[in-house]
Amino acid sequence: MSGLFYSTRIAYLDHVSDEDFANIPIHYCDGRNNNRESAPAVAGHL
């Protein structure tokens, strides 16, 4: 993975409104196949 990478646990977002929470961008990485540049083929369960 190149560039900066940040992650946070959802529990730390206590004071985020429902509207803001719904608009947080989420990027899935395929760590299972060591392909962190791409999203996994199936991500519905994540």
PDB file of N, CA and C in Angstrom:
ATOM      1  N   MET A   1       0.855  -1.163   0.000  1.00  0.00           N
ATOM      2  CA  MET A   1       0.000   0.000   0.000  1.00  0.00           C
ATOM      3  C   MET A   1       0.900   1.224   0.000  1.00  0.00           C
ATOM      4  N   SER A   2       0.621   2.126  -0.870  1.00  0.00           N
ATOM      5  CA  SER A   2       1.426   3.347  -0.914  1.00  0.00           C
ATOM      6  C   SER A   2       0.652   4.508  -0.309  1.00  0.00           C
ATOM      7  N   GLY A   3       1.357   5.520   0.131  1.00  0.00           N
ATOM      8  CA  GLY A   3       0.713   6.700   0.698  1.00  0.00           C
ATOM      9  C   GLY A   3       0.313   6.496   2.145  1.00  0.00           C
ATOM     10  N   LEU A   4      -0.411   7.458   2.670  1.00  0.00           N
ATOM     11  CA  LEU A   4      -0.846   7.409   4.058  1.00  0.00           C
ATOM     12  C   LEU A   4      -2.046   6.488   4.228  1.00  0.00           C
ATOM     13  N   PHE A   5      -2.138   5.901   5.375  1.00  0.00           N
ATOM     14  CA  PHE A   5      -3.236   4.989   5.674  1.00  0.00           C
ATOM     15  C   PHE A   5      -3.725   5.273   7.085  1.00  0.00           C
ATOM     16  N   TYR A   6      -5.009   5.458   7.248  1.00  0.00           N
ATOM     17  CA  TYR A   6      -5.599   5.697   8.557  1.00  0.00           C
ATOM     18  C   TYR A   6      -6.763   4.739   8.752  1.00  0.00           C
ATOM     19  N   SER A   7      -6.959   4.324   9.965  1.00  0.00           N
ATOM     20  CA  SER A   7      -8.145   3.541  10.292  1.00  0.00           C
ATOM     21  C   SER A   7      -8.598   3.938  11.688  1.00  0.00           C
ATOM     22  N   THR A   8      -9.866   3.691  11.951  1.00  0.00           N
ATOM     23  CA  THR A   8     -10.399   3.986  13.281  1.00  0.00           C
ATOM     24  C   THR A   8     -11.438   2.941  13.631  1.00  0.00           C
ATOM     25  N   ARG A   9     -11.628   2.745  14.885  1.00  0.00           N
ATOM     26  CA  ARG A   9     -12.673   1.832  15.341  1.00  0.00           C
ATOM     27  C   ARG A   9     -13.972   2.614  15.463  1.00  0.00           C
ATOM     28  N   ILE A  10     -15.048   2.005  15.064  1.00  0.00           N
ATOM     29  CA  ILE A  10     -16.347   2.662  15.084  1.00  0.00           C
ATOM     30  C   ILE A  10     -16.706   3.149  16.488  1.00  0.00           C
ATOM     31  N   ALA A  11     -16.290   2.451  17.519  1.00  0.00           N
ATOM     32  CA  ALA A  11     -16.618   2.845  18.893  1.00  0.00           C
ATOM     33  C   ALA A  11     -16.073   4.230  19.244  1.00  0.00           C
ATOM     34  N   TYR A  12     -15.056   4.689  18.537  1.00  0.00           N
ATOM     35  CA  TYR A  12     -14.478   6.003  18.815  1.00  0.00           C
ATOM     36  C   TYR A  12     -15.300   7.145  18.227  1.00  0.00           C
ATOM     37  N   LEU A  13     -16.330   6.853  17.500  1.00  0.00           N
ATOM     38  CA  LEU A  13     -17.124   7.876  16.820  1.00  0.00           C
ATOM     39  C   LEU A  13     -18.408   8.176  17.577  1.00  0.00           C
ATOM     40  N   ASP A  14     -18.338   8.240  18.897  1.00  0.00           N
ATOM     41  CA  ASP A  14     -19.515   8.447  19.738  1.00  0.00           C
ATOM     42  C   ASP A  14     -20.253   9.750  19.462  1.00  0.00           C
ATOM     43  N   HIS A  15     -19.546  10.812  19.151  1.00  0.00           N
ATOM     44  CA  HIS A  15     -20.163  12.132  19.039  1.00  0.00           C
ATOM     45  C   HIS A  15     -20.419  12.557  17.587  1.00  0.00           C
ATOM     46  N   VAL A  16     -20.461  11.603  16.691  1.00  0.00           N
ATOM     47  CA  VAL A  16     -20.743  11.878  15.284  1.00  0.00           C
ATOM     48  C   VAL A  16     -22.244  11.727  15.070  1.00  0.00           C
ATOM     49  N   SER A  17     -22.843  12.698  14.381  1.00  0.00           N
ATOM     50  CA  SER A  17     -24.286  12.618  14.126  1.00  0.00           C
ATOM     51  C   SER A  17     -24.577  11.473  13.152  1.00  0.00           C
ATOM     52  N   ASP A  18     -25.815  11.000  13.147  1.00  0.00           N
ATOM     53  CA  ASP A  18     -26.208   9.926  12.230  1.00  0.00           C
ATOM     54  C   ASP A  18     -25.988  10.330  10.779  1.00  0.00           C
ATOM     55  N   GLU A  19     -26.296  11.580  10.462  1.00  0.00           N
ATOM     56  CA  GLU A  19     -26.120  12.069   9.091  1.00  0.00           C
ATOM     57  C   GLU A  19     -24.642  12.062   8.697  1.00  0.00           C
ATOM     58  N   ASP A  20     -23.781  12.587   9.564  1.00  0.00           N
ATOM     59  CA  ASP A  20     -22.346  12.589   9.271  1.00  0.00           C
ATOM     60  C   ASP A  20     -21.804  11.166   9.191  1.00  0.00           C
ATOM     61  N   PHE A  21     -22.263  10.308  10.092  1.00  0.00           N
ATOM     62  CA  PHE A  21     -21.815   8.926  10.103  1.00  0.00           C
ATOM     63  C   PHE A  21     -22.180   8.223   8.797  1.00  0.00           C
ATOM     64  N   ALA A  22     -23.359   8.492   8.276  1.00  0.00           N
ATOM     65  CA  ALA A  22     -23.806   7.867   7.020  1.00  0.00           C
ATOM     66  C   ALA A  22     -22.998   8.340   5.821  1.00  0.00           C
ATOM     67  N   ASN A  23     -22.359   9.502   5.931  1.00  0.00           N
ATOM     68  CA  ASN A  23     -21.597  10.064   4.810  1.00  0.00           C
ATOM     69  C   ASN A  23     -20.096   9.828   4.899  1.00  0.00           C
ATOM     70  N   ILE A  24     -19.647   9.063   5.888  1.00  0.00           N
ATOM     71  CA  ILE A  24     -18.222   8.775   6.007  1.00  0.00           C
ATOM     72  C   ILE A  24     -17.819   7.844   4.867  1.00  0.00           C
ATOM     73  N   PRO A  25     -16.810   8.221   4.074  1.00  0.00           N
ATOM     74  CA  PRO A  25     -16.384   7.341   2.984  1.00  0.00           C
ATOM     75  C   PRO A  25     -15.674   6.105   3.544  1.00  0.00           C
ATOM     76  N   ILE A  26     -15.973   4.963   2.977  1.00  0.00           N
ATOM     77  CA  ILE A  26     -15.362   3.706   3.400  1.00  0.00           C
ATOM     78  C   ILE A  26     -14.661   3.085   2.206  1.00  0.00           C
ATOM     79  N   HIS A  27     -13.410   2.704   2.395  1.00  0.00           N
ATOM     80  CA  HIS A  27     -12.636   2.023   1.352  1.00  0.00           C
ATOM     81  C   HIS A  27     -12.258   0.646   1.886  1.00  0.00           C
ATOM     82  N   TYR A  28     -12.667  -0.392   1.193  1.00  0.00           N
ATOM     83  CA  TYR A  28     -12.338  -1.752   1.584  1.00  0.00           C
ATOM     84  C   TYR A  28     -11.067  -2.193   0.871  1.00  0.00           C
ATOM     85  N   CYS A  29     -10.175  -2.851   1.571  1.00  0.00           N
ATOM     86  CA  CYS A  29      -8.935  -3.376   1.010  1.00  0.00           C
ATOM     87  C   CYS A  29      -8.956  -4.889   1.082  1.00  0.00           C
ATOM     88  N   ASP A  30      -8.430  -5.519   0.061  1.00  0.00           N
ATOM     89  CA  ASP A  30      -8.403  -6.980  -0.003  1.00  0.00           C
ATOM     90  C   ASP A  30      -7.138  -7.519   0.662  1.00  0.00           C
ATOM     91  N   GLY A  31      -7.132  -7.485   1.998  1.00  0.00           N
ATOM     92  CA  GLY A  31      -5.987  -7.989   2.739  1.00  0.00           C
ATOM     93  C   GLY A  31      -5.889  -9.509   2.723  1.00  0.00           C
ATOM     94  N   ARG A  32      -7.005 -10.175   2.525  1.00  0.00           N
ATOM     95  CA  ARG A  32      -7.004 -11.647   2.491  1.00  0.00           C
ATOM     96  C   ARG A  32      -6.104 -12.180   1.377  1.00  0.00           C
ATOM     97  N   ASN A  33      -6.076 -11.459   0.254  1.00  0.00           N
ATOM     98  CA  ASN A  33      -5.272 -11.875  -0.895  1.00  0.00           C
ATOM     99  C   ASN A  33      -4.047 -10.986  -1.090  1.00  0.00           C
ATOM    100  N   ASN A  34      -3.666 -10.254  -0.037  1.00  0.00           N
ATOM    101  CA  ASN A  34      -2.511  -9.346  -0.095  1.00  0.00           C
ATOM    102  C   ASN A  34      -2.603  -8.380  -1.276  1.00  0.00           C
ATOM    103  N   ASN A  35      -3.802  -7.907  -1.557  1.00  0.00           N
ATOM    104  CA  ASN A  35      -4.029  -6.964  -2.645  1.00  0.00           C
ATOM    105  C   ASN A  35      -4.695  -5.725  -2.053  1.00  0.00           C
ATOM    106  N   ARG A  36      -3.954  -4.987  -1.270  1.00  0.00           N
ATOM    107  CA  ARG A  36      -4.515  -3.848  -0.551  1.00  0.00           C
ATOM    108  C   ARG A  36      -4.784  -2.634  -1.440  1.00  0.00           C
ATOM    109  N   GLU A  37      -4.408  -2.709  -2.684  1.00  0.00           N
ATOM    110  CA  GLU A  37      -4.686  -1.629  -3.631  1.00  0.00           C
ATOM    111  C   GLU A  37      -6.104  -1.722  -4.193  1.00  0.00           C
ATOM    112  N   SER A  38      -6.732  -2.886  -4.045  1.00  0.00           N
ATOM    113  CA  SER A  38      -8.065  -3.108  -4.618  1.00  0.00           C
ATOM    114  C   SER A  38      -9.034  -3.588  -3.560  1.00  0.00           C
ATOM    115  N   ALA A  39     -10.287  -3.351  -3.829  1.00  0.00           N
ATOM    116  CA  ALA A  39     -11.344  -3.855  -2.939  1.00  0.00           C
ATOM    117  C   ALA A  39     -11.538  -5.344  -3.193  1.00  0.00           C
ATOM    118  N   PRO A  40     -11.993  -6.094  -2.196  1.00  0.00           N
ATOM    119  CA  PRO A  40     -12.270  -7.521  -2.429  1.00  0.00           C
ATOM    120  C   PRO A  40     -13.426  -7.694  -3.411  1.00  0.00           C
ATOM    121  N   ALA A  41     -13.464  -8.839  -4.048  1.00  0.00           N
ATOM    122  CA  ALA A  41     -14.522  -9.107  -5.033  1.00  0.00           C
ATOM    123  C   ALA A  41     -15.898  -9.088  -4.381  1.00  0.00           C
ATOM    124  N   VAL A  42     -15.988  -9.580  -3.145  1.00  0.00           N
ATOM    125  CA  VAL A  42     -17.257  -9.598  -2.404  1.00  0.00           C
ATOM    126  C   VAL A  42     -17.035  -8.833  -1.098  1.00  0.00           C
ATOM    127  N   ALA A  43     -17.816  -7.768  -0.875  1.00  0.00           N
ATOM    128  CA  ALA A  43     -17.632  -6.964   0.331  1.00  0.00           C
ATOM    129  C   ALA A  43     -18.945  -6.725   1.078  1.00  0.00           C
ATOM    130  N   GLY A  44     -20.028  -7.359   0.653  1.00  0.00           N
ATOM    131  CA  GLY A  44     -21.325  -7.123   1.262  1.00  0.00           C
ATOM    132  C   GLY A  44     -21.387  -7.535   2.719  1.00  0.00           C
ATOM    133  N   HIS A  45     -20.590  -8.489   3.118  1.00  0.00           N
ATOM    134  CA  HIS A  45     -20.602  -8.961   4.505  1.00  0.00           C
ATOM    135  C   HIS A  45     -19.716  -8.125   5.427  1.00  0.00           C
ATOM    136  N   LEU A  46     -18.984  -7.202   4.866  1.00  0.00           N
ATOM    137  CA  LEU A  46     -18.044  -6.414   5.676  1.00  0.00           C
ATOM    138  C   LEU A  46     -18.707  -5.273   6.346  1.00  0.00           C
TER     139      LEU A  46
END
